[in-house]
mmCIF file of all heavy atoms, coordinates in Angstrom:
data_MODEL
# 
_entry.id   MODEL 
# 
loop_
_atom_site.group_PDB 
_atom_site.id 
_atom_site.type_symbol 
_atom_site.label_atom_id 
_atom_site.label_alt_id 
_atom_site.label_comp_id 
_atom_site.label_asym_id 
_atom_site.label_entity_id 
_atom_site.label_seq_id 
_atom_site.pdbx_PDB_ins_code 
_atom_site.Cartn_x 
_atom_site.Cartn_y 
_atom_site.Cartn_z 
_atom_site.occupancy 
_atom_site.B_iso_or_equiv 
_atom_site.pdbx_formal_charge 
_atom_site.auth_seq_id 
_atom_site.auth_comp_id 
_atom_site.auth_asym_id 
_atom_site.auth_atom_id 
_atom_site.pdbx_PDB_model_num 
ATOM 1   N N   . GLN A 1 1  ? 70.738 12.105 237.344 1.00 0.00 ? 1  GLN A N   1 
ATOM 2   C CA  . GLN A 1 1  ? 71.000 10.960 238.219 1.00 0.00 ? 1  GLN A CA  1 
ATOM 3   C C   . GLN A 1 1  ? 71.100 11.387 239.684 1.00 0.00 ? 1  GLN A C   1 
ATOM 4   O O   . GLN A 1 1  ? 71.792 10.751 240.489 1.00 0.00 ? 1  GLN A O   1 
ATOM 5   C CB  . GLN A 1 1  ? 72.258 10.212 237.799 1.00 0.00 ? 1  GLN A CB  1 
ATOM 6   C CG  . GLN A 1 1  ? 72.098 9.449  236.483 1.00 0.00 ? 1  GLN A CG  1 
ATOM 7   C CD  . GLN A 1 1  ? 70.983 8.402  236.561 1.00 0.00 ? 1  GLN A CD  1 
ATOM 8   O OE1 . GLN A 1 1  ? 71.026 7.496  237.371 1.00 0.00 ? 1  GLN A OE1 1 
ATOM 9   N NE2 . GLN A 1 1  ? 69.973 8.549  235.703 1.00 0.00 ? 1  GLN A NE2 1 
ATOM 10  N N   . ALA A 1 2  ? 70.399 12.469 240.027 1.00 0.00 ? 2  ALA A N   1 
ATOM 11  C CA  . ALA A 1 2  ? 70.312 12.928 241.410 1.00 0.00 ? 2  ALA A CA  1 
ATOM 12  C C   . ALA A 1 2  ? 68.842 13.005 241.799 1.00 0.00 ? 2  ALA A C   1 
ATOM 13  O O   . ALA A 1 2  ? 67.983 13.321 240.965 1.00 0.00 ? 2  ALA A O   1 
ATOM 14  C CB  . ALA A 1 2  ? 70.975 14.292 241.575 1.00 0.00 ? 2  ALA A CB  1 
ATOM 15  N N   . PRO A 1 3  ? 68.520 12.718 243.054 1.00 0.00 ? 3  PRO A N   1 
ATOM 16  C CA  . PRO A 1 3  ? 67.123 12.802 243.476 1.00 0.00 ? 3  PRO A CA  1 
ATOM 17  C C   . PRO A 1 3  ? 66.683 14.243 243.679 1.00 0.00 ? 3  PRO A C   1 
ATOM 18  O O   . PRO A 1 3  ? 67.500 15.121 243.975 1.00 0.00 ? 3  PRO A O   1 
ATOM 19  C CB  . PRO A 1 3  ? 67.110 12.030 244.802 1.00 0.00 ? 3  PRO A CB  1 
ATOM 20  C CG  . PRO A 1 3  ? 68.491 12.218 245.344 1.00 0.00 ? 3  PRO A CG  1 
ATOM 21  C CD  . PRO A 1 3  ? 69.397 12.263 244.144 1.00 0.00 ? 3  PRO A CD  1 
ATOM 22  N N   . GLU A 1 4  ? 65.380 14.469 243.541 1.00 0.00 ? 4  GLU A N   1 
ATOM 23  C CA  . GLU A 1 4  ? 64.798 15.790 243.733 1.00 0.00 ? 4  GLU A CA  1 
ATOM 24  C C   . GLU A 1 4  ? 63.526 15.650 244.556 1.00 0.00 ? 4  GLU A C   1 
ATOM 25  O O   . GLU A 1 4  ? 62.806 14.661 244.435 1.00 0.00 ? 4  GLU A O   1 
ATOM 26  C CB  . GLU A 1 4  ? 64.469 16.439 242.383 1.00 0.00 ? 4  GLU A CB  1 
ATOM 27  C CG  . GLU A 1 4  ? 65.685 16.680 241.510 1.00 0.00 ? 4  GLU A CG  1 
ATOM 28  C CD  . GLU A 1 4  ? 65.328 17.178 240.110 1.00 0.00 ? 4  GLU A CD  1 
ATOM 29  O OE1 . GLU A 1 4  ? 64.117 17.243 239.795 1.00 0.00 ? 4  GLU A OE1 1 
ATOM 30  O OE2 . GLU A 1 4  ? 66.254 17.488 239.351 1.00 0.00 ? 4  GLU A OE2 1 
ATOM 31  N N   . GLY A 1 5  ? 63.248 16.637 245.391 1.00 0.00 ? 5  GLY A N   1 
ATOM 32  C CA  . GLY A 1 5  ? 62.026 16.605 246.176 1.00 0.00 ? 5  GLY A CA  1 
ATOM 33  C C   . GLY A 1 5  ? 62.200 17.301 247.517 1.00 0.00 ? 5  GLY A C   1 
ATOM 34  O O   . GLY A 1 5  ? 63.273 17.821 247.845 1.00 0.00 ? 5  GLY A O   1 
ATOM 35  N N   . PHE A 1 6  ? 61.134 17.319 248.299 1.00 0.00 ? 6  PHE A N   1 
ATOM 36  C CA  . PHE A 1 6  ? 61.125 18.032 249.566 1.00 0.00 ? 6  PHE A CA  1 
ATOM 37  C C   . PHE A 1 6  ? 62.121 17.438 250.553 1.00 0.00 ? 6  PHE A C   1 
ATOM 38  O O   . PHE A 1 6  ? 62.872 18.172 251.211 1.00 0.00 ? 6  PHE A O   1 
ATOM 39  C CB  . PHE A 1 6  ? 59.705 18.012 250.150 1.00 0.00 ? 6  PHE A CB  1 
ATOM 40  C CG  . PHE A 1 6  ? 59.537 18.863 251.377 1.00 0.00 ? 6  PHE A CG  1 
ATOM 41  C CD1 . PHE A 1 6  ? 59.827 20.215 251.353 1.00 0.00 ? 6  PHE A CD1 1 
ATOM 42  C CD2 . PHE A 1 6  ? 59.070 18.309 252.558 1.00 0.00 ? 6  PHE A CD2 1 
ATOM 43  C CE1 . PHE A 1 6  ? 59.666 21.007 252.480 1.00 0.00 ? 6  PHE A CE1 1 
ATOM 44  C CE2 . PHE A 1 6  ? 58.888 19.087 253.691 1.00 0.00 ? 6  PHE A CE2 1 
ATOM 45  C CZ  . PHE A 1 6  ? 59.188 20.441 253.652 1.00 0.00 ? 6  PHE A CZ  1 
ATOM 46  N N   . ASP A 1 7  ? 62.161 16.111 250.681 1.00 0.00 ? 7  ASP A N   1 
ATOM 47  C CA  . ASP A 1 7  ? 63.146 15.489 251.566 1.00 0.00 ? 7  ASP A CA  1 
ATOM 48  C C   . ASP A 1 7  ? 64.561 15.874 251.153 1.00 0.00 ? 7  ASP A C   1 
ATOM 49  O O   . ASP A 1 7  ? 65.417 16.137 252.004 1.00 0.00 ? 7  ASP A O   1 
ATOM 50  C CB  . ASP A 1 7  ? 63.015 13.964 251.523 1.00 0.00 ? 7  ASP A CB  1 
ATOM 51  C CG  . ASP A 1 7  ? 61.807 13.448 252.284 1.00 0.00 ? 7  ASP A CG  1 
ATOM 52  O OD1 . ASP A 1 7  ? 61.274 14.176 253.131 1.00 0.00 ? 7  ASP A OD1 1 
ATOM 53  O OD2 . ASP A 1 7  ? 61.390 12.308 252.016 1.00 0.00 ? 7  ASP A OD2 1 
ATOM 54  N N   . VAL A 1 8  ? 64.794 15.875 249.861 1.00 0.00 ? 8  VAL A N   1 
ATOM 55  C CA  . VAL A 1 8  ? 66.116 16.213 249.333 1.00 0.00 ? 8  VAL A CA  1 
ATOM 56  C C   . VAL A 1 8  ? 66.484 17.646 249.704 1.00 0.00 ? 8  VAL A C   1 
ATOM 57  O O   . VAL A 1 8  ? 67.614 17.932 250.139 1.00 0.00 ? 8  VAL A O   1 
ATOM 58  C CB  . VAL A 1 8  ? 66.140 16.017 247.805 1.00 0.00 ? 8  VAL A CB  1 
ATOM 59  C CG1 . VAL A 1 8  ? 67.449 16.529 247.214 1.00 0.00 ? 8  VAL A CG1 1 
ATOM 60  C CG2 . VAL A 1 8  ? 65.928 14.550 247.457 1.00 0.00 ? 8  VAL A CG2 1 
ATOM 61  N N   . GLU A 1 9  ? 65.527 18.564 249.577 1.00 0.00 ? 9  GLU A N   1 
ATOM 62  C CA  . GLU A 1 9  ? 65.794 19.967 249.897 1.00 0.00 ? 9  GLU A CA  1 
ATOM 63  C C   . GLU A 1 9  ? 66.047 20.161 251.392 1.00 0.00 ? 9  GLU A C   1 
ATOM 64  O O   . GLU A 1 9  ? 66.885 20.979 251.779 1.00 0.00 ? 9  GLU A O   1 
ATOM 65  C CB  . GLU A 1 9  ? 64.628 20.838 249.433 1.00 0.00 ? 9  GLU A CB  1 
ATOM 66  C CG  . GLU A 1 9  ? 64.485 20.926 247.925 1.00 0.00 ? 9  GLU A CG  1 
ATOM 67  C CD  . GLU A 1 9  ? 65.736 21.465 247.259 1.00 0.00 ? 9  GLU A CD  1 
ATOM 68  O OE1 . GLU A 1 9  ? 66.200 22.557 247.642 1.00 0.00 ? 9  GLU A OE1 1 
ATOM 69  O OE2 . GLU A 1 9  ? 66.275 20.782 246.361 1.00 0.00 ? 9  GLU A OE2 1 
ATOM 70  N N   . ILE A 1 10 ? 65.326 19.430 252.230 1.00 0.00 ? 10 ILE A N   1 
ATOM 71  C CA  . ILE A 1 10 ? 65.568 19.524 253.667 1.00 0.00 ? 10 ILE A CA  1 
ATOM 72  C C   . ILE A 1 10 ? 66.990 19.061 253.988 1.00 0.00 ? 10 ILE A C   1 
ATOM 73  O O   . ILE A 1 10 ? 67.700 19.678 254.798 1.00 0.00 ? 10 ILE A O   1 
ATOM 74  C CB  . ILE A 1 10 ? 64.536 18.688 254.449 1.00 0.00 ? 10 ILE A CB  1 
ATOM 75  C CG1 . ILE A 1 10 ? 63.128 19.277 254.275 1.00 0.00 ? 10 ILE A CG1 1 
ATOM 76  C CG2 . ILE A 1 10 ? 64.909 18.619 255.927 1.00 0.00 ? 10 ILE A CG2 1 
ATOM 77  C CD1 . ILE A 1 10 ? 62.964 20.684 254.798 1.00 0.00 ? 10 ILE A CD1 1 
ATOM 78  N N   . ALA A 1 11 ? 67.423 17.990 253.354 1.00 0.00 ? 11 ALA A N   1 
ATOM 79  C CA  . ALA A 1 11 ? 68.793 17.514 253.565 1.00 0.00 ? 11 ALA A CA  1 
ATOM 80  C C   . ALA A 1 11 ? 69.811 18.550 253.097 1.00 0.00 ? 11 ALA A C   1 
ATOM 81  O O   . ALA A 1 11 ? 70.858 18.739 253.734 1.00 0.00 ? 11 ALA A O   1 
ATOM 82  C CB  . ALA A 1 11 ? 69.005 16.191 252.835 1.00 0.00 ? 11 ALA A CB  1 
ATOM 83  N N   . LYS A 1 12 ? 69.520 19.237 251.996 1.00 0.00 ? 12 LYS A N   1 
ATOM 84  C CA  . LYS A 1 12 ? 70.430 20.283 251.512 1.00 0.00 ? 12 LYS A CA  1 
ATOM 85  C C   . LYS A 1 12 ? 70.525 21.439 252.502 1.00 0.00 ? 12 LYS A C   1 
ATOM 86  O O   . LYS A 1 12 ? 71.600 22.034 252.681 1.00 0.00 ? 12 LYS A O   1 
ATOM 87  C CB  . LYS A 1 12 ? 69.958 20.802 250.155 1.00 0.00 ? 12 LYS A CB  1 
ATOM 88  C CG  . LYS A 1 12 ? 70.109 19.826 249.010 1.00 0.00 ? 12 LYS A CG  1 
ATOM 89  C CD  . LYS A 1 12 ? 69.566 20.451 247.727 1.00 0.00 ? 12 LYS A CD  1 
ATOM 90  C CE  . LYS A 1 12 ? 69.582 19.489 246.560 1.00 0.00 ? 12 LYS A CE  1 
ATOM 91  N NZ  . LYS A 1 12 ? 68.995 20.112 245.340 1.00 0.00 ? 12 LYS A NZ  1 
ATOM 92  N N   . ILE A 1 13 ? 69.411 21.779 253.131 1.00 0.00 ? 13 ILE A N   1 
ATOM 93  C CA  . ILE A 1 13 ? 69.423 22.842 254.140 1.00 0.00 ? 13 ILE A CA  1 
ATOM 94  C C   . ILE A 1 13 ? 70.343 22.459 255.292 1.00 0.00 ? 13 ILE A C   1 
ATOM 95  O O   . ILE A 1 13 ? 71.139 23.272 255.782 1.00 0.00 ? 13 ILE A O   1 
ATOM 96  C CB  . ILE A 1 13 ? 67.987 23.113 254.638 1.00 0.00 ? 13 ILE A CB  1 
ATOM 97  C CG1 . ILE A 1 13 ? 67.149 23.784 253.544 1.00 0.00 ? 13 ILE A CG1 1 
ATOM 98  C CG2 . ILE A 1 13 ? 68.006 23.994 255.896 1.00 0.00 ? 13 ILE A CG2 1 
ATOM 99  C CD1 . ILE A 1 13 ? 65.681 23.933 253.886 1.00 0.00 ? 13 ILE A CD1 1 
ATOM 100 N N   . ILE A 1 14 ? 70.252 21.205 255.746 1.00 0.00 ? 14 ILE A N   1 
ATOM 101 C CA  . ILE A 1 14 ? 71.110 20.726 256.830 1.00 0.00 ? 14 ILE A CA  1 
ATOM 102 C C   . ILE A 1 14 ? 72.574 20.750 256.405 1.00 0.00 ? 14 ILE A C   1 
ATOM 103 O O   . ILE A 1 14 ? 73.451 21.216 257.154 1.00 0.00 ? 14 ILE A O   1 
ATOM 104 C CB  . ILE A 1 14 ? 70.681 19.310 257.250 1.00 0.00 ? 14 ILE A CB  1 
ATOM 105 C CG1 . ILE A 1 14 ? 69.260 19.348 257.835 1.00 0.00 ? 14 ILE A CG1 1 
ATOM 106 C CG2 . ILE A 1 14 ? 71.664 18.713 258.257 1.00 0.00 ? 14 ILE A CG2 1 
ATOM 107 C CD1 . ILE A 1 14 ? 68.625 17.981 257.987 1.00 0.00 ? 14 ILE A CD1 1 
ATOM 108 N N   . ALA A 1 15 ? 72.850 20.262 255.204 1.00 0.00 ? 15 ALA A N   1 
ATOM 109 C CA  . ALA A 1 15 ? 74.230 20.246 254.711 1.00 0.00 ? 15 ALA A CA  1 
ATOM 110 C C   . ALA A 1 15 ? 74.797 21.651 254.624 1.00 0.00 ? 15 ALA A C   1 
ATOM 111 O O   . ALA A 1 15 ? 75.963 21.884 254.976 1.00 0.00 ? 15 ALA A O   1 
ATOM 112 C CB  . ALA A 1 15 ? 74.279 19.565 253.343 1.00 0.00 ? 15 ALA A CB  1 
ATOM 113 N N   . ALA A 1 16 ? 73.989 22.599 254.154 1.00 0.00 ? 16 ALA A N   1 
ATOM 114 C CA  . ALA A 1 16 ? 74.461 23.979 254.005 1.00 0.00 ? 16 ALA A CA  1 
ATOM 115 C C   . ALA A 1 16 ? 74.893 24.562 255.342 1.00 0.00 ? 16 ALA A C   1 
ATOM 116 O O   . ALA A 1 16 ? 75.883 25.303 255.428 1.00 0.00 ? 16 ALA A O   1 
ATOM 117 C CB  . ALA A 1 16 ? 73.364 24.839 253.378 1.00 0.00 ? 16 ALA A CB  1 
ATOM 118 N N   . GLU A 1 17 ? 74.162 24.237 256.413 1.00 0.00 ? 17 GLU A N   1 
ATOM 119 C CA  . GLU A 1 17 ? 74.520 24.741 257.734 1.00 0.00 ? 17 GLU A CA  1 
ATOM 120 C C   . GLU A 1 17 ? 75.769 24.066 258.284 1.00 0.00 ? 17 GLU A C   1 
ATOM 121 O O   . GLU A 1 17 ? 76.383 24.566 259.217 1.00 0.00 ? 17 GLU A O   1 
ATOM 122 C CB  . GLU A 1 17 ? 73.348 24.561 258.697 1.00 0.00 ? 17 GLU A CB  1 
ATOM 123 C CG  . GLU A 1 17 ? 72.151 25.440 258.383 1.00 0.00 ? 17 GLU A CG  1 
ATOM 124 C CD  . GLU A 1 17 ? 72.482 26.920 258.444 1.00 0.00 ? 17 GLU A CD  1 
ATOM 125 O OE1 . GLU A 1 17 ? 73.198 27.331 259.390 1.00 0.00 ? 17 GLU A OE1 1 
ATOM 126 O OE2 . GLU A 1 17 ? 72.032 27.667 257.558 1.00 0.00 ? 17 GLU A OE2 1 
ATOM 127 N N   . LEU A 1 18 ? 76.128 22.943 257.704 1.00 0.00 ? 18 LEU A N   1 
ATOM 128 C CA  . LEU A 1 18 ? 77.382 22.275 258.059 1.00 0.00 ? 18 LEU A CA  1 
ATOM 129 C C   . LEU A 1 18 ? 78.550 22.780 257.215 1.00 0.00 ? 18 LEU A C   1 
ATOM 130 O O   . LEU A 1 18 ? 79.687 22.329 257.388 1.00 0.00 ? 18 LEU A O   1 
ATOM 131 C CB  . LEU A 1 18 ? 77.238 20.759 257.867 1.00 0.00 ? 18 LEU A CB  1 
ATOM 132 C CG  . LEU A 1 18 ? 76.348 20.031 258.865 1.00 0.00 ? 18 LEU A CG  1 
ATOM 133 C CD1 . LEU A 1 18 ? 75.996 18.639 258.348 1.00 0.00 ? 18 LEU A CD1 1 
ATOM 134 C CD2 . LEU A 1 18 ? 77.024 19.937 260.227 1.00 0.00 ? 18 LEU A CD2 1 
ATOM 135 N N   . GLY A 1 19 ? 78.262 23.681 256.282 1.00 0.00 ? 19 GLY A N   1 
ATOM 136 C CA  . GLY A 1 19 ? 79.289 24.193 255.390 1.00 0.00 ? 19 GLY A CA  1 
ATOM 137 C C   . GLY A 1 19 ? 79.575 23.285 254.223 1.00 0.00 ? 19 GLY A C   1 
ATOM 138 O O   . GLY A 1 19 ? 80.648 23.367 253.612 1.00 0.00 ? 19 GLY A O   1 
ATOM 139 N N   . ILE A 1 20 ? 78.623 22.417 253.888 1.00 0.00 ? 20 ILE A N   1 
ATOM 140 C CA  . ILE A 1 20 ? 78.811 21.426 252.822 1.00 0.00 ? 20 ILE A CA  1 
ATOM 141 C C   . ILE A 1 20 ? 78.043 21.846 251.577 1.00 0.00 ? 20 ILE A C   1 
ATOM 142 O O   . ILE A 1 20 ? 76.838 22.117 251.641 1.00 0.00 ? 20 ILE A O   1 
ATOM 143 C CB  . ILE A 1 20 ? 78.352 20.032 253.310 1.00 0.00 ? 20 ILE A CB  1 
ATOM 144 C CG1 . ILE A 1 20 ? 79.223 19.579 254.473 1.00 0.00 ? 20 ILE A CG1 1 
ATOM 145 C CG2 . ILE A 1 20 ? 78.388 19.015 252.165 1.00 0.00 ? 20 ILE A CG2 1 
ATOM 146 C CD1 . ILE A 1 20 ? 78.746 18.306 255.134 1.00 0.00 ? 20 ILE A CD1 1 
ATOM 147 N N   . GLU A 1 21 ? 78.738 21.886 250.459 1.00 0.00 ? 21 GLU A N   1 
ATOM 148 C CA  . GLU A 1 21 ? 78.127 22.241 249.187 1.00 0.00 ? 21 GLU A CA  1 
ATOM 149 C C   . GLU A 1 21 ? 77.196 21.131 248.707 1.00 0.00 ? 21 GLU A C   1 
ATOM 150 O O   . GLU A 1 21 ? 77.392 19.952 249.011 1.00 0.00 ? 21 GLU A O   1 
ATOM 151 C CB  . GLU A 1 21 ? 79.197 22.488 248.120 1.00 0.00 ? 21 GLU A CB  1 
ATOM 152 C CG  . GLU A 1 21 ? 80.152 23.619 248.418 1.00 0.00 ? 21 GLU A CG  1 
ATOM 153 C CD  . GLU A 1 21 ? 79.550 24.999 248.163 1.00 0.00 ? 21 GLU A CD  1 
ATOM 154 O OE1 . GLU A 1 21 ? 78.454 25.046 247.557 1.00 0.00 ? 21 GLU A OE1 1 
ATOM 155 O OE2 . GLU A 1 21 ? 80.181 25.990 248.554 1.00 0.00 ? 21 GLU A OE2 1 
ATOM 156 N N   . GLU A 1 22 ? 76.204 21.532 247.920 1.00 0.00 ? 22 GLU A N   1 
ATOM 157 C CA  . GLU A 1 22 ? 75.233 20.571 247.401 1.00 0.00 ? 22 GLU A CA  1 
ATOM 158 C C   . GLU A 1 22 ? 75.891 19.459 246.607 1.00 0.00 ? 22 GLU A C   1 
ATOM 159 O O   . GLU A 1 22 ? 75.504 18.283 246.723 1.00 0.00 ? 22 GLU A O   1 
ATOM 160 C CB  . GLU A 1 22 ? 74.223 21.312 246.526 1.00 0.00 ? 22 GLU A CB  1 
ATOM 161 C CG  . GLU A 1 22 ? 73.212 20.452 245.828 1.00 0.00 ? 22 GLU A CG  1 
ATOM 162 C CD  . GLU A 1 22 ? 72.328 21.266 244.911 1.00 0.00 ? 22 GLU A CD  1 
ATOM 163 O OE1 . GLU A 1 22 ? 72.233 22.487 245.097 1.00 0.00 ? 22 GLU A OE1 1 
ATOM 164 O OE2 . GLU A 1 22 ? 71.741 20.664 243.988 1.00 0.00 ? 22 GLU A OE2 1 
ATOM 165 N N   . ASP A 1 23 ? 76.892 19.794 245.798 1.00 0.00 ? 23 ASP A N   1 
ATOM 166 C CA  . ASP A 1 23 ? 77.512 18.771 244.956 1.00 0.00 ? 23 ASP A CA  1 
ATOM 167 C C   . ASP A 1 23 ? 78.452 17.861 245.739 1.00 0.00 ? 23 ASP A C   1 
ATOM 168 O O   . ASP A 1 23 ? 79.033 16.923 245.178 1.00 0.00 ? 23 ASP A O   1 
ATOM 169 C CB  . ASP A 1 23 ? 78.238 19.395 243.763 1.00 0.00 ? 23 ASP A CB  1 
ATOM 170 C CG  . ASP A 1 23 ? 79.329 20.379 244.165 1.00 0.00 ? 23 ASP A CG  1 
ATOM 171 O OD1 . ASP A 1 23 ? 79.626 20.490 245.375 1.00 0.00 ? 23 ASP A OD1 1 
ATOM 172 O OD2 . ASP A 1 23 ? 79.888 21.040 243.265 1.00 0.00 ? 23 ASP A OD2 1 
ATOM 173 N N   . ALA A 1 24 ? 78.602 18.120 247.051 1.00 0.00 ? 24 ALA A N   1 
ATOM 174 C CA  . ALA A 1 24 ? 79.414 17.247 247.895 1.00 0.00 ? 24 ALA A CA  1 
ATOM 175 C C   . ALA A 1 24 ? 78.557 16.277 248.704 1.00 0.00 ? 24 ALA A C   1 
ATOM 176 O O   . ALA A 1 24 ? 79.071 15.594 249.585 1.00 0.00 ? 24 ALA A O   1 
ATOM 177 C CB  . ALA A 1 24 ? 80.287 18.074 248.828 1.00 0.00 ? 24 ALA A CB  1 
ATOM 178 N N   . ILE A 1 25 ? 77.256 16.247 248.404 1.00 0.00 ? 25 ILE A N   1 
ATOM 179 C CA  . ILE A 1 25 ? 76.363 15.290 249.052 1.00 0.00 ? 25 ILE A CA  1 
ATOM 180 C C   . ILE A 1 25 ? 76.300 14.036 248.188 1.00 0.00 ? 25 ILE A C   1 
ATOM 181 O O   . ILE A 1 25 ? 76.016 14.095 246.990 1.00 0.00 ? 25 ILE A O   1 
ATOM 182 C CB  . ILE A 1 25 ? 74.950 15.866 249.223 1.00 0.00 ? 25 ILE A CB  1 
ATOM 183 C CG1 . ILE A 1 25 ? 74.989 17.145 250.062 1.00 0.00 ? 25 ILE A CG1 1 
ATOM 184 C CG2 . ILE A 1 25 ? 74.024 14.833 249.865 1.00 0.00 ? 25 ILE A CG2 1 
ATOM 185 C CD1 . ILE A 1 25 ? 73.652 17.869 250.118 1.00 0.00 ? 25 ILE A CD1 1 
ATOM 186 N N   . GLU A 1 26 ? 76.552 12.894 248.798 1.00 0.00 ? 26 GLU A N   1 
ATOM 187 C CA  . GLU A 1 26 ? 76.340 11.613 248.119 1.00 0.00 ? 26 GLU A CA  1 
ATOM 188 C C   . GLU A 1 26 ? 74.957 11.102 248.498 1.00 0.00 ? 26 GLU A C   1 
ATOM 189 O O   . GLU A 1 26 ? 74.648 10.917 249.670 1.00 0.00 ? 26 GLU A O   1 
ATOM 190 C CB  . GLU A 1 26 ? 77.395 10.589 248.530 1.00 0.00 ? 26 GLU A CB  1 
ATOM 191 C CG  . GLU A 1 26 ? 77.190 9.227  247.872 1.00 0.00 ? 26 GLU A CG  1 
ATOM 192 C CD  . GLU A 1 26 ? 78.142 8.166  248.365 1.00 0.00 ? 26 GLU A CD  1 
ATOM 193 O OE1 . GLU A 1 26 ? 79.023 8.489  249.196 1.00 0.00 ? 26 GLU A OE1 1 
ATOM 194 O OE2 . GLU A 1 26 ? 78.006 6.997  247.935 1.00 0.00 ? 26 GLU A OE2 1 
ATOM 195 N N   . TRP A 1 27 ? 74.117 10.866 247.481 1.00 0.00 ? 27 TRP A N   1 
ATOM 196 C CA  . TRP A 1 27 ? 72.752 10.407 247.716 1.00 0.00 ? 27 TRP A CA  1 
ATOM 197 C C   . TRP A 1 27 ? 72.702 8.890  247.579 1.00 0.00 ? 27 TRP A C   1 
ATOM 198 O O   . TRP A 1 27 ? 73.156 8.341  246.579 1.00 0.00 ? 27 TRP A O   1 
ATOM 199 C CB  . TRP A 1 27 ? 71.791 11.045 246.713 1.00 0.00 ? 27 TRP A CB  1 
ATOM 200 C CG  . TRP A 1 27 ? 71.814 12.542 246.749 1.00 0.00 ? 27 TRP A CG  1 
ATOM 201 C CD1 . TRP A 1 27 ? 72.449 13.376 245.873 1.00 0.00 ? 27 TRP A CD1 1 
ATOM 202 C CD2 . TRP A 1 27 ? 71.185 13.386 247.718 1.00 0.00 ? 27 TRP A CD2 1 
ATOM 203 N NE1 . TRP A 1 27 ? 72.259 14.680 246.234 1.00 0.00 ? 27 TRP A NE1 1 
ATOM 204 C CE2 . TRP A 1 27 ? 71.478 14.726 247.358 1.00 0.00 ? 27 TRP A CE2 1 
ATOM 205 C CE3 . TRP A 1 27 ? 70.393 13.146 248.846 1.00 0.00 ? 27 TRP A CE3 1 
ATOM 206 C CZ2 . TRP A 1 27 ? 71.009 15.814 248.101 1.00 0.00 ? 27 TRP A CZ2 1 
ATOM 207 C CZ3 . TRP A 1 27 ? 69.931 14.226 249.579 1.00 0.00 ? 27 TRP A CZ3 1 
ATOM 208 C CH2 . TRP A 1 27 ? 70.231 15.531 249.210 1.00 0.00 ? 27 TRP A CH2 1 
# 
């Protein structure tokens, strides 16, 4: 029940640089 794809991965890269874990992203 989570999205997957290139846009999603780019958002994860941004979140990681903010110190935010992947499982703390609400899609």
